[in-house]
């Protein structure tokens, strides 16, 4: 990979403070800037990958929801099932009926 130079202006106080931070990590300011740049690029790539994954999942869910062959459960059936499970757990933990 070819190296290139990155030049920009920065306030003198900020430069001094950054150099101090870099020295505290036993690095030069340039080394720390490279680490920060790599981290930023990595985070951005992960965010974009997650966004693509999430959008695919939503699209699949919407397709499934629109499919007439998708099995459906009545709300009351699900609610009743969870109430029974919750009561059983409460009986196990307290020894009393819910």
PDB file of N, CA and C in Angstrom:
ATOM      1  N   UNK A   1       0.855  -1.160   0.000  1.00  0.00           N
ATOM      2  CA  UNK A   1       0.000   0.000   0.000  1.00  0.00           C
ATOM      3  C   UNK A   1       0.910   1.236   0.000  1.00  0.00           C
ATOM      4  N   UNK A   2       0.642   2.160  -0.906  1.00  0.00           N
ATOM      5  CA  UNK A   2       1.441   3.380  -0.997  1.00  0.00           C
ATOM      6  C   UNK A   2       1.074   4.329   0.133  1.00  0.00           C
ATOM      7  N   UNK A   3       2.096   4.916   0.702  1.00  0.00           N
ATOM      8  CA  UNK A   3       1.855   5.872   1.776  1.00  0.00           C
ATOM      9  C   UNK A   3       1.686   7.255   1.197  1.00  0.00           C
ATOM     10  N   UNK A   4       0.928   8.093   1.877  1.00  0.00           N
ATOM     11  CA  UNK A   4       0.750   9.469   1.453  1.00  0.00           C
ATOM     12  C   UNK A   4       0.793  10.360   2.684  1.00  0.00           C
ATOM     13  N   UNK A   5       0.927  11.646   2.442  1.00  0.00           N
ATOM     14  CA  UNK A   5       1.024  12.602   3.530  1.00  0.00           C
ATOM     15  C   UNK A   5      -0.321  13.266   3.733  1.00  0.00           C
ATOM     16  N   UNK A   6      -0.683  13.457   4.972  1.00  0.00           N
ATOM     17  CA  UNK A   6      -1.936  14.109   5.346  1.00  0.00           C
ATOM     18  C   UNK A   6      -1.554  15.388   6.081  1.00  0.00           C
ATOM     19  N   UNK A   7      -1.851  16.544   5.499  1.00  0.00           N
ATOM     20  CA  UNK A   7      -1.467  17.820   6.088  1.00  0.00           C
ATOM     21  C   UNK A   7      -2.723  18.621   6.415  1.00  0.00           C
ATOM     22  N   UNK A   8      -2.776  19.173   7.638  1.00  0.00           N
ATOM     23  CA  UNK A   8      -3.901  20.030   8.011  1.00  0.00           C
ATOM     24  C   UNK A   8      -3.467  20.985   9.110  1.00  0.00           C
ATOM     25  N   UNK A   9      -4.227  22.017   9.270  1.00  0.00           N
ATOM     26  CA  UNK A   9      -3.924  23.021  10.289  1.00  0.00           C
ATOM     27  C   UNK A   9      -4.701  22.692  11.573  1.00  0.00           C
ATOM     28  N   UNK A  10      -4.043  22.972  12.700  1.00  0.00           N
ATOM     29  CA  UNK A  10      -4.681  22.732  13.987  1.00  0.00           C
ATOM     30  C   UNK A  10      -4.175  23.792  14.967  1.00  0.00           C
ATOM     31  N   UNK A  11      -5.013  24.139  15.901  1.00  0.00           N
ATOM     32  CA  UNK A  11      -4.665  25.107  16.935  1.00  0.00           C
ATOM     33  C   UNK A  11      -3.438  24.620  17.706  1.00  0.00           C
ATOM     34  N   UNK A  12      -2.540  25.528  18.030  1.00  0.00           N
ATOM     35  CA  UNK A  12      -1.302  25.169  18.724  1.00  0.00           C
ATOM     36  C   UNK A  12      -1.536  24.494  20.055  1.00  0.00           C
ATOM     37  N   UNK A  13      -2.521  24.969  20.811  1.00  0.00           N
ATOM     38  CA  UNK A  13      -2.814  24.354  22.114  1.00  0.00           C
ATOM     39  C   UNK A  13      -3.312  22.922  21.941  1.00  0.00           C
ATOM     40  N   UNK A  14      -4.159  22.715  20.948  1.00  0.00           N
ATOM     41  CA  UNK A  14      -4.672  21.371  20.690  1.00  0.00           C
ATOM     42  C   UNK A  14      -3.533  20.444  20.264  1.00  0.00           C
ATOM     43  N   UNK A  15      -2.638  20.950  19.415  1.00  0.00           N
ATOM     44  CA  UNK A  15      -1.496  20.145  18.971  1.00  0.00           C
ATOM     45  C   UNK A  15      -0.626  19.738  20.160  1.00  0.00           C
ATOM     46  N   UNK A  16      -0.366  20.678  21.046  1.00  0.00           N
ATOM     47  CA  UNK A  16       0.458  20.389  22.218  1.00  0.00           C
ATOM     48  C   UNK A  16      -0.235  19.382  23.134  1.00  0.00           C
ATOM     49  N   UNK A  17      -1.532  19.558  23.353  1.00  0.00           N
ATOM     50  CA  UNK A  17      -2.283  18.644  24.209  1.00  0.00           C
ATOM     51  C   UNK A  17      -2.310  17.240  23.592  1.00  0.00           C
ATOM     52  N   UNK A  18      -2.475  17.174  22.267  1.00  0.00           N
ATOM     53  CA  UNK A  18      -2.508  15.879  21.591  1.00  0.00           C
ATOM     54  C   UNK A  18      -1.147  15.201  21.662  1.00  0.00           C
ATOM     55  N   UNK A  19      -0.086  15.966  21.475  1.00  0.00           N
ATOM     56  CA  UNK A  19       1.266  15.420  21.571  1.00  0.00           C
ATOM     57  C   UNK A  19       1.524  14.869  22.969  1.00  0.00           C
ATOM     58  N   UNK A  20       0.976  15.537  23.978  1.00  0.00           N
ATOM     59  CA  UNK A  20       1.124  15.066  25.355  1.00  0.00           C
ATOM     60  C   UNK A  20       0.381  13.742  25.563  1.00  0.00           C
ATOM     61  N   UNK A  21      -0.817  13.652  25.002  1.00  0.00           N
ATOM     62  CA  UNK A  21      -1.588  12.405  25.095  1.00  0.00           C
ATOM     63  C   UNK A  21      -0.823  11.273  24.402  1.00  0.00           C
ATOM     64  N   UNK A  22      -0.313  11.558  23.210  1.00  0.00           N
ATOM     65  CA  UNK A  22       0.443  10.547  22.465  1.00  0.00           C
ATOM     66  C   UNK A  22       1.667  10.098  23.253  1.00  0.00           C
ATOM     67  N   UNK A  23       2.396  11.055  23.832  1.00  0.00           N
ATOM     68  CA  UNK A  23       3.581  10.710  24.621  1.00  0.00           C
ATOM     69  C   UNK A  23       3.203   9.848  25.821  1.00  0.00           C
ATOM     70  N   UNK A  24       2.060  10.125  26.416  1.00  0.00           N
ATOM     71  CA  UNK A  24       1.575   9.324  27.539  1.00  0.00           C
ATOM     72  C   UNK A  24       1.303   7.882  27.147  1.00  0.00           C
ATOM     73  N   UNK A  25       1.060   7.670  25.859  1.00  0.00           N
ATOM     74  CA  UNK A  25       0.833   6.312  25.346  1.00  0.00           C
ATOM     75  C   UNK A  25       2.085   5.760  24.659  1.00  0.00           C
ATOM     76  N   UNK A  26       3.199   6.469  24.862  1.00  0.00           N
ATOM     77  CA  UNK A  26       4.478   6.091  24.272  1.00  0.00           C
ATOM     78  C   UNK A  26       4.389   5.976  22.754  1.00  0.00           C
ATOM     79  N   UNK A  27       3.759   6.967  22.148  1.00  0.00           N
ATOM     80  CA  UNK A  27       3.608   7.046  20.696  1.00  0.00           C
ATOM     81  C   UNK A  27       3.902   8.473  20.263  1.00  0.00           C
ATOM     82  N   UNK A  28       4.180   8.614  18.975  1.00  0.00           N
ATOM     83  CA  UNK A  28       4.269   9.961  18.429  1.00  0.00           C
ATOM     84  C   UNK A  28       2.855  10.401  18.070  1.00  0.00           C
ATOM     85  N   UNK A  29       2.691  11.688  17.842  1.00  0.00           N
ATOM     86  CA  UNK A  29       1.374  12.187  17.443  1.00  0.00           C
ATOM     87  C   UNK A  29       0.942  11.537  16.130  1.00  0.00           C
ATOM     88  N   UNK A  30       1.868  11.360  15.210  1.00  0.00           N
ATOM     89  CA  UNK A  30       1.543  10.734  13.923  1.00  0.00           C
ATOM     90  C   UNK A  30       1.075   9.292  14.115  1.00  0.00           C
ATOM     91  N   UNK A  31       1.753   8.554  15.000  1.00  0.00           N
ATOM     92  CA  UNK A  31       1.339   7.168  15.256  1.00  0.00           C
ATOM     93  C   UNK A  31      -0.072   7.128  15.840  1.00  0.00           C
ATOM     94  N   UNK A  32      -0.339   8.010  16.791  1.00  0.00           N
ATOM     95  CA  UNK A  32      -1.667   8.032  17.406  1.00  0.00           C
ATOM     96  C   UNK A  32      -2.727   8.456  16.401  1.00  0.00           C
ATOM     97  N   UNK A  33      -2.404   9.408  15.531  1.00  0.00           N
ATOM     98  CA  UNK A  33      -3.359   9.805  14.490  1.00  0.00           C
ATOM     99  C   UNK A  33      -3.682   8.630  13.573  1.00  0.00           C
ATOM    100  N   UNK A  34      -2.676   7.826  13.219  1.00  0.00           N
ATOM    101  CA  UNK A  34      -2.935   6.652  12.381  1.00  0.00           C
ATOM    102  C   UNK A  34      -3.875   5.682  13.083  1.00  0.00           C
ATOM    103  N   UNK A  35      -3.648   5.471  14.387  1.00  0.00           N
ATOM    104  CA  UNK A  35      -4.526   4.574  15.155  1.00  0.00           C
ATOM    105  C   UNK A  35      -5.958   5.112  15.157  1.00  0.00           C
ATOM    106  N   UNK A  36      -6.096   6.410  15.405  1.00  0.00           N
ATOM    107  CA  UNK A  36      -7.430   7.012  15.430  1.00  0.00           C
ATOM    108  C   UNK A  36      -8.114   6.922  14.067  1.00  0.00           C
ATOM    109  N   UNK A  37      -7.348   7.136  12.999  1.00  0.00           N
ATOM    110  CA  UNK A  37      -7.916   7.044  11.654  1.00  0.00           C
ATOM    111  C   UNK A  37      -8.364   5.617  11.343  1.00  0.00           C
ATOM    112  N   UNK A  38      -7.526   4.629  11.713  1.00  0.00           N
ATOM    113  CA  UNK A  38      -7.894   3.229  11.488  1.00  0.00           C
ATOM    114  C   UNK A  38      -9.151   2.868  12.280  1.00  0.00           C
ATOM    115  N   UNK A  39      -9.206   3.312  13.531  1.00  0.00           N
ATOM    116  CA  UNK A  39     -10.389   3.043  14.367  1.00  0.00           C
ATOM    117  C   UNK A  39     -11.642   3.658  13.761  1.00  0.00           C
ATOM    118  N   UNK A  40     -11.533   4.895  13.278  1.00  0.00           N
ATOM    119  CA  UNK A  40     -12.689   5.570  12.678  1.00  0.00           C
ATOM    120  C   UNK A  40     -13.156   4.824  11.436  1.00  0.00           C
ATOM    121  N   UNK A  41     -12.224   4.399  10.593  1.00  0.00           N
ATOM    122  CA  UNK A  41     -12.585   3.658   9.383  1.00  0.00           C
ATOM    123  C   UNK A  41     -13.214   2.310   9.741  1.00  0.00           C
ATOM    124  N   UNK A  42     -12.655   1.638  10.753  1.00  0.00           N
ATOM    125  CA  UNK A  42     -13.196   0.344  11.196  1.00  0.00           C
ATOM    126  C   UNK A  42     -14.618   0.501  11.744  1.00  0.00           C
ATOM    127  N   UNK A  43     -14.816   1.514  12.601  1.00  0.00           N
ATOM    128  CA  UNK A  43     -16.158   1.758  13.165  1.00  0.00           C
ATOM    129  C   UNK A  43     -17.162   2.060  12.061  1.00  0.00           C
ATOM    130  N   UNK A  44     -16.758   2.887  11.098  1.00  0.00           N
ATOM    131  CA  UNK A  44     -17.661   3.237  10.003  1.00  0.00           C
ATOM    132  C   UNK A  44     -18.025   1.998   9.193  1.00  0.00           C
ATOM    133  N   UNK A  45     -17.035   1.151   8.908  1.00  0.00           N
ATOM    134  CA  UNK A  45     -17.297  -0.079   8.158  1.00  0.00           C
ATOM    135  C   UNK A  45     -18.257  -0.984   8.930  1.00  0.00           C
ATOM    136  N   UNK A  46     -18.039  -1.119  10.243  1.00  0.00           N
ATOM    137  CA  UNK A  46     -18.941  -1.952  11.054  1.00  0.00           C
ATOM    138  C   UNK A  46     -20.353  -1.395  11.067  1.00  0.00           C
ATOM    139  N   UNK A  47     -20.492  -0.082  11.182  1.00  0.00           N
ATOM    140  CA  UNK A  47     -21.816   0.533  11.177  1.00  0.00           C
ATOM    141  C   UNK A  47     -22.529   0.304   9.852  1.00  0.00           C
ATOM    142  N   UNK A  48     -21.790   0.445   8.744  1.00  0.00           N
ATOM    143  CA  UNK A  48     -22.408   0.219   7.432  1.00  0.00           C
ATOM    144  C   UNK A  48     -22.804  -1.242   7.261  1.00  0.00           C
ATOM    145  N   UNK A  49     -21.950  -2.167   7.714  1.00  0.00           N
ATOM    146  CA  UNK A  49     -22.275  -3.591   7.624  1.00  0.00           C
ATOM    147  C   UNK A  49     -23.496  -3.919   8.474  1.00  0.00           C
ATOM    148  N   UNK A  50     -23.568  -3.362   9.676  1.00  0.00           N
ATOM    149  CA  UNK A  50     -24.724  -3.595  10.538  1.00  0.00           C
ATOM    150  C   UNK A  50     -25.984  -3.024   9.894  1.00  0.00           C
ATOM    151  N   UNK A  51     -25.873  -1.847   9.302  1.00  0.00           N
ATOM    152  CA  UNK A  51     -27.032  -1.230   8.662  1.00  0.00           C
ATOM    153  C   UNK A  51     -27.527  -2.108   7.510  1.00  0.00           C
ATOM    154  N   UNK A  52     -26.600  -2.637   6.694  1.00  0.00           N
ATOM    155  CA  UNK A  52     -27.013  -3.532   5.598  1.00  0.00           C
ATOM    156  C   UNK A  52     -27.695  -4.777   6.150  1.00  0.00           C
ATOM    157  N   UNK A  53     -27.101  -5.381   7.198  1.00  0.00           N
ATOM    158  CA  UNK A  53     -27.698  -6.571   7.814  1.00  0.00           C
ATOM    159  C   UNK A  53     -29.106  -6.260   8.351  1.00  0.00           C
ATOM    160  N   UNK A  54     -29.219  -5.138   9.079  1.00  0.00           N
ATOM    161  CA  UNK A  54     -30.492  -4.784   9.685  1.00  0.00           C
ATOM    162  C   UNK A  54     -31.566  -4.555   8.616  1.00  0.00           C
ATOM    163  N   UNK A  55     -31.192  -3.844   7.556  1.00  0.00           N
ATOM    164  CA  UNK A  55     -32.162  -3.595   6.476  1.00  0.00           C
ATOM    165  C   UNK A  55     -32.598  -4.894   5.815  1.00  0.00           C
ATOM    166  N   UNK A  56     -31.659  -5.847   5.631  1.00  0.00           N
ATOM    167  CA  UNK A  56     -32.033  -7.158   5.079  1.00  0.00           C
ATOM    168  C   UNK A  56     -33.005  -7.876   6.006  1.00  0.00           C
ATOM    169  N   UNK A  57     -32.723  -7.837   7.320  1.00  0.00           N
ATOM    170  CA  UNK A  57     -33.603  -8.502   8.282  1.00  0.00           C
ATOM    171  C   UNK A  57     -35.011  -7.895   8.260  1.00  0.00           C
ATOM    172  N   UNK A  58     -35.084  -6.579   8.192  1.00  0.00           N
ATOM    173  CA  UNK A  58     -36.394  -5.905   8.144  1.00  0.00           C
ATOM    174  C   UNK A  58     -37.127  -6.301   6.866  1.00  0.00           C
ATOM    175  N   UNK A  59     -36.406  -6.303   5.751  1.00  0.00           N
ATOM    176  CA  UNK A  59     -37.028  -6.681   4.476  1.00  0.00           C
ATOM    177  C   UNK A  59     -37.557  -8.111   4.532  1.00  0.00           C
ATOM    178  N   UNK A  60     -36.762  -9.026   5.099  1.00  0.00           N
ATOM    179  CA  UNK A  60     -37.217 -10.412   5.232  1.00  0.00           C
ATOM    180  C   UNK A  60     -38.439 -10.509   6.133  1.00  0.00           C
ATOM    181  N   UNK A  61     -38.429  -9.757   7.221  1.00  0.00           N
ATOM    182  CA  UNK A  61     -39.572  -9.780   8.146  1.00  0.00           C
ATOM    183  C   UNK A  61     -40.822  -9.236   7.477  1.00  0.00           C
ATOM    184  N   UNK A  62     -40.674  -8.161   6.712  1.00  0.00           N
ATOM    185  CA  UNK A  62     -41.836  -7.598   6.012  1.00  0.00           C
ATOM    186  C   UNK A  62     -42.370  -8.574   4.964  1.00  0.00           C
ATOM    187  N   UNK A  63     -41.459  -9.237   4.262  1.00  0.00           N
ATOM    188  CA  UNK A  63     -41.879 -10.228   3.269  1.00  0.00           C
ATOM    189  C   UNK A  63     -42.624 -11.364   3.951  1.00  0.00           C
ATOM    190  N   UNK A  64     -42.083 -11.830   5.078  1.00  0.00           N
ATOM    191  CA  UNK A  64     -42.734 -12.908   5.826  1.00  0.00           C
ATOM    192  C   UNK A  64     -44.101 -12.467   6.348  1.00  0.00           C
ATOM    193  N   UNK A  65     -44.188 -11.244   6.830  1.00  0.00           N
ATOM    194  CA  UNK A  65     -45.455 -10.742   7.371  1.00  0.00           C
ATOM    195  C   UNK A  65     -46.514 -10.631   6.278  1.00  0.00           C
ATOM    196  N   UNK A  66     -46.085 -10.346   5.047  1.00  0.00           N
ATOM    197  CA  UNK A  66     -47.040 -10.223   3.938  1.00  0.00           C
ATOM    198  C   UNK A  66     -47.411 -11.571   3.332  1.00  0.00           C
ATOM    199  N   UNK A  67     -46.685 -12.620   3.686  1.00  0.00           N
ATOM    200  CA  UNK A  67     -46.918 -13.945   3.117  1.00  0.00           C
ATOM    201  C   UNK A  67     -48.139 -14.585   3.779  1.00  0.00           C
ATOM    202  N   UNK A  68     -49.112 -14.926   2.998  1.00  0.00           N
ATOM    203  CA  UNK A  68     -50.337 -15.537   3.525  1.00  0.00           C
ATOM    204  C   UNK A  68     -50.072 -16.908   4.142  1.00  0.00           C
ATOM    205  N   UNK A  69     -48.972 -17.549   3.759  1.00  0.00           N
ATOM    206  CA  UNK A  69     -48.663 -18.874   4.288  1.00  0.00           C
ATOM    207  C   UNK A  69     -48.014 -18.810   5.671  1.00  0.00           C
ATOM    208  N   UNK A  70     -47.686 -17.623   6.144  1.00  0.00           N
ATOM    209  CA  UNK A  70     -47.054 -17.489   7.448  1.00  0.00           C
ATOM    210  C   UNK A  70     -48.060 -17.834   8.543  1.00  0.00           C
ATOM    211  N   UNK A  71     -47.646 -18.717   9.449  1.00  0.00           N
ATOM    212  CA  UNK A  71     -48.528 -19.105  10.551  1.00  0.00           C
ATOM    213  C   UNK A  71     -48.733 -17.919  11.487  1.00  0.00           C
ATOM    214  N   UNK A  72     -49.934 -17.742  11.943  1.00  0.00           N
ATOM    215  CA  UNK A  72     -50.269 -16.629  12.830  1.00  0.00           C
ATOM    216  C   UNK A  72     -50.800 -17.181  14.149  1.00  0.00           C
ATOM    217  N   UNK A  73     -50.497 -16.477  15.234  1.00  0.00           N
ATOM    218  CA  UNK A  73     -51.014 -16.833  16.547  1.00  0.00           C
ATOM    219  C   UNK A  73     -51.898 -15.687  17.031  1.00  0.00           C
ATOM    220  N   UNK A  74     -53.005 -16.031  17.636  1.00  0.00           N
ATOM    221  CA  UNK A  74     -53.893 -15.013  18.176  1.00  0.00           C
ATOM    222  C   UNK A  74     -53.241 -14.367  19.401  1.00  0.00           C
ATOM    223  N   UNK A  75     -53.441 -13.080  19.547  1.00  0.00           N
ATOM    224  CA  UNK A  75     -52.846 -12.351  20.663  1.00  0.00           C
ATOM    225  C   UNK A  75     -53.239 -12.974  22.003  1.00  0.00           C
ATOM    226  N   UNK A  76     -54.491 -13.299  22.176  1.00  0.00           N
ATOM    227  CA  UNK A  76     -54.957 -13.872  23.437  1.00  0.00           C
ATOM    228  C   UNK A  76     -54.283 -15.201  23.738  1.00  0.00           C
ATOM    229  N   UNK A  77     -54.030 -15.990  22.717  1.00  0.00           N
ATOM    230  CA  UNK A  77     -53.362 -17.274  22.912  1.00  0.00           C
ATOM    231  C   UNK A  77     -51.937 -17.061  23.433  1.00  0.00           C
ATOM    232  N   UNK A  78     -51.213 -16.130  22.830  1.00  0.00           N
ATOM    233  CA  UNK A  78     -49.848 -15.835  23.264  1.00  0.00           C
ATOM    234  C   UNK A  78     -49.859 -15.249  24.669  1.00  0.00           C
ATOM    235  N   UNK A  79     -50.773 -14.331  24.914  1.00  0.00           N
ATOM    236  CA  UNK A  79     -50.864 -13.688  26.230  1.00  0.00           C
ATOM    237  C   UNK A  79     -51.166 -14.721  27.317  1.00  0.00           C
ATOM    238  N   UNK A  80     -52.087 -15.604  27.042  1.00  0.00           N
ATOM    239  CA  UNK A  80     -52.454 -16.630  28.011  1.00  0.00           C
ATOM    240  C   UNK A  80     -51.269 -17.549  28.300  1.00  0.00           C
ATOM    241  N   UNK A  81     -50.544 -17.929  27.257  1.00  0.00           N
ATOM    242  CA  UNK A  81     -49.385 -18.786  27.420  1.00  0.00           C
ATOM    243  C   UNK A  81     -48.341 -18.121  28.314  1.00  0.00           C
ATOM    244  N   UNK A  82     -48.063 -16.849  28.076  1.00  0.00           N
ATOM    245  CA  UNK A  82     -47.072 -16.138  28.891  1.00  0.00           C
ATOM    246  C   UNK A  82     -47.538 -15.962  30.326  1.00  0.00           C
ATOM    247  N   UNK A  83     -48.814 -15.747  30.517  1.00  0.00           N
ATOM    248  CA  UNK A  83     -49.332 -15.626  31.884  1.00  0.00           C
ATOM    249  C   UNK A  83     -49.149 -16.939  32.633  1.00  0.00           C
ATOM    250  N   UNK A  84     -49.373 -18.050  31.951  1.00  0.00           N
ATOM    251  CA  UNK A  84     -49.186 -19.352  32.576  1.00  0.00           C
ATOM    252  C   UNK A  84     -47.714 -19.592  32.920  1.00  0.00           C
ATOM    253  N   UNK A  85     -46.827 -19.234  32.001  1.00  0.00           N
ATOM    254  CA  UNK A  85     -45.397 -19.398  32.265  1.00  0.00           C
ATOM    255  C   UNK A  85     -44.938 -18.515  33.420  1.00  0.00           C
ATOM    256  N   UNK A  86     -45.406 -17.281  33.441  1.00  0.00           N
ATOM    257  CA  UNK A  86     -45.033 -16.357  34.514  1.00  0.00           C
ATOM    258  C   UNK A  86     -45.527 -16.876  35.861  1.00  0.00           C
ATOM    259  N   UNK A  87     -46.761 -17.393  35.902  1.00  0.00           N
ATOM    260  CA  UNK A  87     -47.314 -17.937  37.147  1.00  0.00           C
ATOM    261  C   UNK A  87     -46.496 -19.141  37.619  1.00  0.00           C
ATOM    262  N   UNK A  88     -46.067 -19.984  36.673  1.00  0.00           N
ATOM    263  CA  UNK A  88     -45.274 -21.163  37.038  1.00  0.00           C
ATOM    264  C   UNK A  88     -43.922 -20.739  37.611  1.00  0.00           C
ATOM    265  N   UNK A  89     -43.313 -19.751  37.020  1.00  0.00           N
ATOM    266  CA  UNK A  89     -42.023 -19.254  37.519  1.00  0.00           C
ATOM    267  C   UNK A  89     -42.199 -18.643  38.903  1.00  0.00           C
ATOM    268  N   UNK A  90     -43.256 -17.889  39.070  1.00  0.00           N
ATOM    269  CA  UNK A  90     -43.494 -17.277  40.384  1.00  0.00           C
ATOM    270  C   UNK A  90     -43.724 -18.350  41.448  1.00  0.00           C
ATOM    271  N   UNK A  91     -44.444 -19.401  41.099  1.00  0.00           N
ATOM    272  CA  UNK A  91     -44.667 -20.493  42.063  1.00  0.00           C
ATOM    273  C   UNK A  91     -43.335 -21.142  42.434  1.00  0.00           C
ATOM    274  N   UNK A  92     -42.455 -21.312  41.456  1.00  0.00           N
ATOM    275  CA  UNK A  92     -41.154 -21.933  41.716  1.00  0.00           C
ATOM    276  C   UNK A  92     -40.286 -21.060  42.611  1.00  0.00           C
ATOM    277  N   UNK A  93     -40.355 -19.757  42.434  1.00  0.00           N
ATOM    278  CA  UNK A  93     -39.455 -18.858  43.180  1.00  0.00           C
ATOM    279  C   UNK A  93     -39.998 -18.497  44.534  1.00  0.00           C
ATOM    280  N   UNK A  94     -41.321 -18.428  44.685  1.00  0.00           N
ATOM    281  CA  UNK A  94     -41.892 -18.000  45.970  1.00  0.00           C
ATOM    282  C   UNK A  94     -42.523 -19.135  46.739  1.00  0.00           C
ATOM    283  N   UNK A  95     -42.828 -20.207  46.040  1.00  0.00           N
ATOM    284  CA  UNK A  95     -43.491 -21.322  46.704  1.00  0.00           C
ATOM    285  C   UNK A  95     -44.980 -21.071  46.914  1.00  0.00           C
ATOM    286  N   UNK A  96     -45.478 -19.943  46.389  1.00  0.00           N
ATOM    287  CA  UNK A  96     -46.893 -19.602  46.535  1.00  0.00           C
ATOM    288  C   UNK A  96     -47.550 -19.562  45.168  1.00  0.00           C
ATOM    289  N   UNK A  97     -48.856 -19.773  45.131  1.00  0.00           N
ATOM    290  CA  UNK A  97     -49.561 -19.636  43.858  1.00  0.00           C
ATOM    291  C   UNK A  97     -49.593 -18.177  43.426  1.00  0.00           C
ATOM    292  N   UNK A  98     -49.583 -17.958  42.124  1.00  0.00           N
ATOM    293  CA  UNK A  98     -49.608 -16.592  41.588  1.00  0.00           C
ATOM    294  C   UNK A  98     -50.988 -15.976  41.729  1.00  0.00           C
TER     295      UNK A  98
END
